[in-house]
Amino acid sequence: MTHISWKAVRAGLLAALVLLTCASPARAGDGHSGEDSWLMLTVTHGETPSTGENGTMLRCDPPRGHRHATDACAELTAADGRIADIPPREGVVCPMVYAPVTAHADGMWRGRSVDYTETFPNTCTMTARTGSIFAIA
């Protein structure tokens, strides 16, 4: 006759609970967890990117950390994380006012490093070219 103590059962259940809690489920289809898709975003006035650590952290899967996270993550997904490949918004007319802004993104997209910096003539032009990604103000 086999005898199992309550202590052994409790230890086994605790171990199972720890494994279930700590394990992150794999996403079907892309083979990536959302934690490797994140960008630190900054927008600075002028032609020099921010050197500080202040900015907005955009995380995808699930989208969070950014006021337009759902839209920004969808745009990044469509462009495979390549900000320069996001198609310009159609029908946007921006003023010809020179008030430069520099957009900078640094992070990871599905395991690939992202480092993007571009200076635009004004905020309208930046938004027309990069969609929701740098709409952080």
N, C-alpha and C. Protein backbone atom coordinates (compact mmCIF):
# COMPACT_ATOMS: atom_id res chain seq x y z
N MET A 1 0.83 -1.16 0.00
CA MET A 1 0.00 0.00 0.00
C MET A 1 0.89 1.25 0.00
N THR A 2 0.56 2.19 -0.91
CA THR A 2 1.33 3.42 -1.02
C THR A 2 0.67 4.50 -0.20
N HIS A 3 1.49 5.23 0.53
CA HIS A 3 0.98 6.29 1.39
C HIS A 3 1.58 7.62 0.92
N ILE A 4 0.72 8.58 0.61
CA ILE A 4 1.17 9.90 0.19
C ILE A 4 0.79 10.88 1.30
N SER A 5 1.77 11.63 1.73
CA SER A 5 1.50 12.60 2.80
C SER A 5 0.91 13.88 2.21
N TRP A 6 0.17 14.59 3.05
CA TRP A 6 -0.39 15.86 2.63
C TRP A 6 0.72 16.85 2.30
N LYS A 7 1.82 16.73 2.96
CA LYS A 7 2.95 17.61 2.71
C LYS A 7 3.48 17.42 1.28
N ALA A 8 3.57 16.18 0.82
CA ALA A 8 4.04 15.89 -0.54
C ALA A 8 3.04 16.39 -1.58
N VAL A 9 1.74 16.21 -1.31
CA VAL A 9 0.70 16.67 -2.23
C VAL A 9 0.74 18.20 -2.33
N ARG A 10 0.83 18.85 -1.18
CA ARG A 10 0.88 20.31 -1.15
C ARG A 10 2.12 20.83 -1.89
N ALA A 11 3.26 20.20 -1.71
CA ALA A 11 4.49 20.62 -2.41
C ALA A 11 4.34 20.43 -3.91
N GLY A 12 3.72 19.33 -4.34
CA GLY A 12 3.49 19.09 -5.77
C GLY A 12 2.56 20.11 -6.37
N LEU A 13 1.48 20.44 -5.67
CA LEU A 13 0.54 21.44 -6.15
C LEU A 13 1.18 22.82 -6.23
N LEU A 14 2.00 23.15 -5.24
CA LEU A 14 2.70 24.43 -5.24
C LEU A 14 3.67 24.51 -6.42
N ALA A 15 4.39 23.44 -6.68
CA ALA A 15 5.32 23.42 -7.81
C ALA A 15 4.57 23.58 -9.13
N ALA A 16 3.42 22.93 -9.27
CA ALA A 16 2.62 23.06 -10.49
C ALA A 16 2.11 24.48 -10.65
N LEU A 17 1.68 25.09 -9.55
CA LEU A 17 1.20 26.46 -9.59
C LEU A 17 2.30 27.42 -10.02
N VAL A 18 3.49 27.24 -9.49
CA VAL A 18 4.63 28.09 -9.85
C VAL A 18 4.95 27.94 -11.34
N LEU A 19 4.94 26.72 -11.84
CA LEU A 19 5.21 26.50 -13.26
C LEU A 19 4.16 27.15 -14.14
N LEU A 20 2.90 27.03 -13.77
CA LEU A 20 1.83 27.64 -14.56
C LEU A 20 1.88 29.16 -14.51
N THR A 21 2.24 29.70 -13.38
CA THR A 21 2.30 31.15 -13.23
C THR A 21 3.48 31.74 -13.98
N CYS A 22 4.61 31.08 -13.95
CA CYS A 22 5.83 31.63 -14.55
C CYS A 22 5.93 31.36 -16.04
N ALA A 23 5.29 30.35 -16.53
CA ALA A 23 5.39 30.02 -17.95
C ALA A 23 4.61 31.03 -18.76
N SER A 24 5.21 31.53 -19.84
CA SER A 24 4.49 32.45 -20.71
C SER A 24 4.06 31.67 -21.94
N PRO A 25 2.79 31.74 -22.27
CA PRO A 25 2.30 30.97 -23.39
C PRO A 25 2.86 31.49 -24.70
N ALA A 26 3.16 30.60 -25.61
CA ALA A 26 3.65 30.99 -26.93
C ALA A 26 2.47 31.43 -27.77
N ARG A 27 2.69 32.44 -28.59
CA ARG A 27 1.65 32.92 -29.47
C ARG A 27 1.67 32.09 -30.74
N ALA A 28 0.51 31.69 -31.15
CA ALA A 28 0.43 30.91 -32.38
C ALA A 28 0.70 31.81 -33.56
N GLY A 29 1.43 31.30 -34.52
CA GLY A 29 1.60 32.00 -35.77
C GLY A 29 2.92 32.72 -35.92
N ASP A 30 3.34 33.56 -34.99
CA ASP A 30 4.54 34.34 -35.23
C ASP A 30 5.77 33.85 -34.48
N GLY A 31 5.60 32.99 -33.49
CA GLY A 31 6.74 32.45 -32.78
C GLY A 31 7.46 33.46 -31.90
N HIS A 32 6.83 34.59 -31.59
CA HIS A 32 7.46 35.62 -30.78
C HIS A 32 6.55 35.97 -29.63
N SER A 33 7.16 36.26 -28.50
CA SER A 33 6.37 36.80 -27.40
C SER A 33 6.35 38.31 -27.57
N GLY A 34 5.38 38.97 -26.99
CA GLY A 34 5.25 40.41 -27.11
C GLY A 34 6.36 41.18 -26.42
N GLU A 35 7.07 40.54 -25.51
CA GLU A 35 8.08 41.25 -24.75
C GLU A 35 9.29 41.62 -25.58
N ASP A 36 9.44 41.06 -26.79
CA ASP A 36 10.57 41.48 -27.60
C ASP A 36 10.15 42.52 -28.63
N SER A 37 8.97 43.13 -28.45
CA SER A 37 8.50 44.21 -29.32
C SER A 37 8.20 45.44 -28.45
N TRP A 38 9.19 46.29 -28.33
CA TRP A 38 9.06 47.50 -27.53
C TRP A 38 9.93 48.60 -28.13
N LEU A 39 9.51 49.84 -27.97
CA LEU A 39 10.28 50.98 -28.45
C LEU A 39 10.24 52.10 -27.43
N MET A 40 11.37 52.71 -27.18
CA MET A 40 11.44 53.94 -26.39
C MET A 40 11.38 55.08 -27.40
N LEU A 41 10.35 55.91 -27.28
CA LEU A 41 10.08 56.96 -28.26
C LEU A 41 10.31 58.33 -27.65
N THR A 42 10.99 59.20 -28.40
CA THR A 42 11.15 60.59 -27.97
C THR A 42 10.91 61.50 -29.17
N VAL A 43 10.38 62.66 -28.90
CA VAL A 43 10.22 63.72 -29.90
C VAL A 43 10.78 64.98 -29.26
N THR A 44 11.74 65.60 -29.94
CA THR A 44 12.34 66.82 -29.42
C THR A 44 12.19 67.94 -30.45
N HIS A 45 12.06 69.16 -29.96
CA HIS A 45 12.00 70.31 -30.84
C HIS A 45 13.43 70.63 -31.27
N GLY A 46 13.62 70.85 -32.54
CA GLY A 46 14.94 71.13 -33.08
C GLY A 46 15.45 69.94 -33.88
N GLU A 47 16.70 70.03 -34.25
CA GLU A 47 17.30 69.04 -35.13
C GLU A 47 18.19 68.03 -34.42
N THR A 48 18.17 68.04 -33.10
CA THR A 48 19.02 67.13 -32.34
C THR A 48 18.14 66.17 -31.55
N PRO A 49 18.36 64.86 -31.69
CA PRO A 49 17.55 63.92 -30.91
C PRO A 49 17.84 64.03 -29.43
N SER A 50 16.87 63.65 -28.64
CA SER A 50 17.00 63.67 -27.19
C SER A 50 18.10 62.72 -26.74
N THR A 51 18.91 63.18 -25.80
CA THR A 51 19.93 62.31 -25.24
C THR A 51 19.52 61.79 -23.87
N GLY A 52 18.40 62.29 -23.37
CA GLY A 52 17.93 61.87 -22.05
C GLY A 52 17.18 60.55 -22.09
N GLU A 53 16.87 60.05 -20.94
CA GLU A 53 16.14 58.80 -20.81
C GLU A 53 14.64 59.02 -20.78
N ASN A 54 14.20 60.28 -20.82
CA ASN A 54 12.76 60.53 -20.76
C ASN A 54 12.16 60.28 -22.14
N GLY A 55 11.01 59.74 -22.15
CA GLY A 55 10.31 59.43 -23.38
C GLY A 55 9.12 58.56 -23.04
N THR A 56 8.57 57.96 -24.04
CA THR A 56 7.42 57.08 -23.86
C THR A 56 7.79 55.69 -24.32
N MET A 57 7.50 54.72 -23.47
CA MET A 57 7.77 53.32 -23.81
C MET A 57 6.52 52.72 -24.45
N LEU A 58 6.65 52.31 -25.70
CA LEU A 58 5.57 51.63 -26.41
C LEU A 58 5.85 50.14 -26.36
N ARG A 59 4.89 49.39 -25.85
CA ARG A 59 4.98 47.93 -25.84
C ARG A 59 3.80 47.38 -26.63
N CYS A 60 4.05 46.32 -27.36
CA CYS A 60 2.98 45.69 -28.14
C CYS A 60 2.78 44.27 -27.61
N ASP A 61 1.61 43.71 -27.88
CA ASP A 61 1.25 42.34 -27.46
C ASP A 61 1.15 42.17 -25.96
N PRO A 62 0.26 42.77 -25.28
CA PRO A 62 -0.79 43.67 -25.76
C PRO A 62 -0.26 45.10 -25.84
N PRO A 63 -0.89 45.93 -26.68
CA PRO A 63 -0.46 47.33 -26.80
C PRO A 63 -0.67 48.08 -25.49
N ARG A 64 0.39 48.81 -25.07
CA ARG A 64 0.29 49.58 -23.82
C ARG A 64 1.46 50.56 -23.73
N GLY A 65 1.31 51.52 -22.80
CA GLY A 65 2.38 52.46 -22.51
C GLY A 65 2.39 53.71 -23.37
N HIS A 66 1.42 53.87 -24.25
CA HIS A 66 1.39 54.94 -25.23
C HIS A 66 -0.07 55.30 -25.43
N ARG A 67 -0.38 56.56 -25.56
CA ARG A 67 -1.80 56.94 -25.63
C ARG A 67 -2.50 56.43 -26.87
N HIS A 68 -1.77 56.10 -27.93
CA HIS A 68 -2.34 55.52 -29.15
C HIS A 68 -1.67 54.17 -29.42
N ALA A 69 -1.46 53.39 -28.39
CA ALA A 69 -0.70 52.14 -28.50
C ALA A 69 -1.30 51.17 -29.50
N THR A 70 -2.61 51.01 -29.52
CA THR A 70 -3.23 50.05 -30.43
C THR A 70 -2.95 50.43 -31.88
N ASP A 71 -3.14 51.69 -32.22
CA ASP A 71 -2.88 52.15 -33.59
C ASP A 71 -1.39 52.06 -33.93
N ALA A 72 -0.53 52.50 -33.01
CA ALA A 72 0.91 52.48 -33.25
C ALA A 72 1.42 51.06 -33.47
N CYS A 73 0.95 50.12 -32.66
CA CYS A 73 1.38 48.73 -32.81
C CYS A 73 0.88 48.13 -34.12
N ALA A 74 -0.35 48.49 -34.52
CA ALA A 74 -0.88 48.00 -35.79
C ALA A 74 -0.06 48.53 -36.97
N GLU A 75 0.32 49.81 -36.90
CA GLU A 75 1.14 50.40 -37.96
C GLU A 75 2.52 49.76 -38.01
N LEU A 76 3.11 49.50 -36.86
CA LEU A 76 4.41 48.83 -36.82
C LEU A 76 4.33 47.40 -37.33
N THR A 77 3.26 46.71 -36.98
CA THR A 77 3.08 45.34 -37.45
C THR A 77 2.98 45.31 -38.97
N ALA A 78 2.22 46.23 -39.53
CA ALA A 78 2.05 46.28 -40.99
C ALA A 78 3.38 46.58 -41.70
N ALA A 79 4.27 47.33 -41.04
CA ALA A 79 5.56 47.68 -41.63
C ALA A 79 6.69 46.80 -41.11
N ASP A 80 6.35 45.72 -40.41
CA ASP A 80 7.33 44.80 -39.82
C ASP A 80 8.36 45.54 -38.96
N GLY A 81 7.88 46.55 -38.22
CA GLY A 81 8.74 47.27 -37.30
C GLY A 81 9.63 48.31 -37.94
N ARG A 82 9.52 48.49 -39.23
CA ARG A 82 10.37 49.46 -39.94
C ARG A 82 9.60 50.78 -40.07
N ILE A 83 9.91 51.73 -39.23
CA ILE A 83 9.18 52.99 -39.18
C ILE A 83 9.26 53.72 -40.52
N ALA A 84 10.41 53.69 -41.16
CA ALA A 84 10.58 54.37 -42.44
C ALA A 84 9.69 53.78 -43.53
N ASP A 85 9.21 52.55 -43.36
CA ASP A 85 8.36 51.90 -44.36
C ASP A 85 6.87 52.13 -44.13
N ILE A 86 6.50 52.86 -43.10
CA ILE A 86 5.09 53.15 -42.87
C ILE A 86 4.63 54.09 -43.98
N PRO A 87 3.55 53.75 -44.68
CA PRO A 87 3.10 54.61 -45.77
C PRO A 87 2.58 55.95 -45.24
N PRO A 88 2.85 57.03 -45.97
CA PRO A 88 2.35 58.34 -45.53
C PRO A 88 0.83 58.36 -45.52
N ARG A 89 0.28 59.12 -44.60
CA ARG A 89 -1.18 59.26 -44.55
C ARG A 89 -1.65 60.03 -45.77
N GLU A 90 -2.72 59.54 -46.35
CA GLU A 90 -3.26 60.18 -47.54
C GLU A 90 -4.14 61.37 -47.16
N GLY A 91 -4.11 62.39 -48.00
CA GLY A 91 -5.00 63.52 -47.82
C GLY A 91 -4.57 64.52 -46.76
N VAL A 92 -3.40 64.36 -46.16
CA VAL A 92 -2.93 65.28 -45.13
C VAL A 92 -2.19 66.43 -45.81
N VAL A 93 -2.60 67.63 -45.48
CA VAL A 93 -1.94 68.83 -46.00
C VAL A 93 -1.33 69.55 -44.80
N CYS A 94 -0.01 69.70 -44.83
CA CYS A 94 0.68 70.35 -43.72
C CYS A 94 1.13 71.75 -44.12
N PRO A 95 1.19 72.67 -43.16
CA PRO A 95 1.65 74.02 -43.47
C PRO A 95 3.15 74.01 -43.77
N MET A 96 3.55 74.97 -44.55
CA MET A 96 4.98 75.09 -44.88
C MET A 96 5.66 75.97 -43.86
N VAL A 97 5.57 75.57 -42.62
CA VAL A 97 6.18 76.29 -41.51
C VAL A 97 7.36 75.45 -41.03
N TYR A 98 8.52 76.10 -40.90
CA TYR A 98 9.69 75.36 -40.44
C TYR A 98 9.81 75.50 -38.92
N ALA A 99 9.43 74.44 -38.25
CA ALA A 99 9.54 74.33 -36.79
C ALA A 99 9.99 72.89 -36.55
N PRO A 100 11.28 72.60 -36.78
CA PRO A 100 11.74 71.21 -36.83
C PRO A 100 11.52 70.42 -35.54
N VAL A 101 11.20 69.16 -35.74
CA VAL A 101 11.09 68.20 -34.64
C VAL A 101 11.87 66.96 -35.05
N THR A 102 12.52 66.35 -34.06
CA THR A 102 13.29 65.14 -34.32
C THR A 102 12.65 63.98 -33.57
N ALA A 103 12.31 62.96 -34.33
CA ALA A 103 11.70 61.75 -33.77
C ALA A 103 12.78 60.69 -33.64
N HIS A 104 12.77 60.02 -32.48
CA HIS A 104 13.77 58.97 -32.24
C HIS A 104 13.08 57.76 -31.61
N ALA A 105 13.38 56.59 -32.14
CA ALA A 105 12.88 55.33 -31.58
C ALA A 105 14.06 54.39 -31.41
N ASP A 106 14.12 53.78 -30.25
CA ASP A 106 15.20 52.85 -29.94
C ASP A 106 14.57 51.67 -29.20
N GLY A 107 14.84 50.45 -29.66
CA GLY A 107 14.27 49.29 -28.98
C GLY A 107 14.41 48.01 -29.79
N MET A 108 13.40 47.16 -29.64
CA MET A 108 13.41 45.85 -30.31
C MET A 108 12.05 45.62 -30.97
N TRP A 109 12.08 45.02 -32.14
CA TRP A 109 10.84 44.60 -32.79
C TRP A 109 11.02 43.15 -33.21
N ARG A 110 10.30 42.26 -32.53
CA ARG A 110 10.34 40.82 -32.80
C ARG A 110 11.77 40.29 -32.88
N GLY A 111 12.56 40.70 -31.90
CA GLY A 111 13.92 40.20 -31.79
C GLY A 111 14.95 40.97 -32.60
N ARG A 112 14.52 41.96 -33.37
CA ARG A 112 15.43 42.74 -34.21
C ARG A 112 15.58 44.15 -33.61
N SER A 113 16.79 44.63 -33.56
CA SER A 113 17.07 45.95 -33.01
C SER A 113 16.49 47.05 -33.90
N VAL A 114 15.93 48.06 -33.27
CA VAL A 114 15.37 49.21 -33.99
C VAL A 114 16.09 50.46 -33.49
N ASP A 115 16.60 51.25 -34.41
CA ASP A 115 17.21 52.54 -34.09
C ASP A 115 16.83 53.48 -35.23
N TYR A 116 15.88 54.35 -34.97
CA TYR A 116 15.34 55.24 -36.00
C TYR A 116 15.43 56.66 -35.51
N THR A 117 15.97 57.55 -36.33
CA THR A 117 16.01 58.97 -36.03
C THR A 117 15.75 59.72 -37.33
N GLU A 118 14.84 60.67 -37.28
CA GLU A 118 14.59 61.52 -38.44
C GLU A 118 14.09 62.87 -37.96
N THR A 119 14.57 63.92 -38.62
CA THR A 119 14.12 65.28 -38.35
C THR A 119 13.13 65.67 -39.43
N PHE A 120 11.98 66.19 -38.99
CA PHE A 120 10.91 66.61 -39.89
C PHE A 120 10.77 68.12 -39.80
N PRO A 121 10.24 68.77 -40.86
CA PRO A 121 10.11 70.22 -40.83
C PRO A 121 9.14 70.73 -39.76
N ASN A 122 8.15 69.89 -39.40
CA ASN A 122 7.20 70.29 -38.35
C ASN A 122 6.45 69.04 -37.86
N THR A 123 5.66 69.22 -36.83
CA THR A 123 4.94 68.10 -36.21
C THR A 123 3.92 67.49 -37.16
N CYS A 124 3.26 68.32 -37.95
CA CYS A 124 2.27 67.81 -38.90
C CYS A 124 2.93 66.84 -39.89
N THR A 125 4.06 67.23 -40.43
CA THR A 125 4.77 66.38 -41.39
C THR A 125 5.22 65.08 -40.72
N MET A 126 5.69 65.17 -39.47
CA MET A 126 6.10 63.96 -38.75
C MET A 126 4.93 63.00 -38.60
N THR A 127 3.78 63.51 -38.20
CA THR A 127 2.60 62.66 -38.00
C THR A 127 2.12 62.09 -39.34
N ALA A 128 2.17 62.89 -40.40
CA ALA A 128 1.75 62.40 -41.71
C ALA A 128 2.65 61.27 -42.19
N ARG A 129 3.93 61.30 -41.82
CA ARG A 129 4.89 60.28 -42.26
C ARG A 129 4.97 59.06 -41.34
N THR A 130 4.74 59.25 -40.04
CA THR A 130 4.97 58.15 -39.10
C THR A 130 3.70 57.68 -38.41
N GLY A 131 2.56 58.21 -38.79
CA GLY A 131 1.29 57.75 -38.21
C GLY A 131 1.20 58.07 -36.73
N SER A 132 0.72 57.10 -35.99
CA SER A 132 0.47 57.27 -34.55
C SER A 132 1.70 57.03 -33.68
N ILE A 133 2.77 56.56 -34.26
CA ILE A 133 3.91 56.12 -33.45
C ILE A 133 4.48 57.24 -32.58
N PHE A 134 4.68 58.41 -33.13
CA PHE A 134 5.28 59.51 -32.36
C PHE A 134 4.23 60.49 -31.84
N ALA A 135 2.98 60.10 -31.81
CA ALA A 135 1.92 60.95 -31.24
C ALA A 135 1.92 60.76 -29.74
N ILE A 136 2.98 61.22 -29.10
CA ILE A 136 3.18 60.93 -27.67
C ILE A 136 2.96 62.16 -26.79
N ALA A 137 2.79 63.31 -27.38
CA ALA A 137 2.62 64.53 -26.56
C ALA A 137 1.19 64.73 -26.16
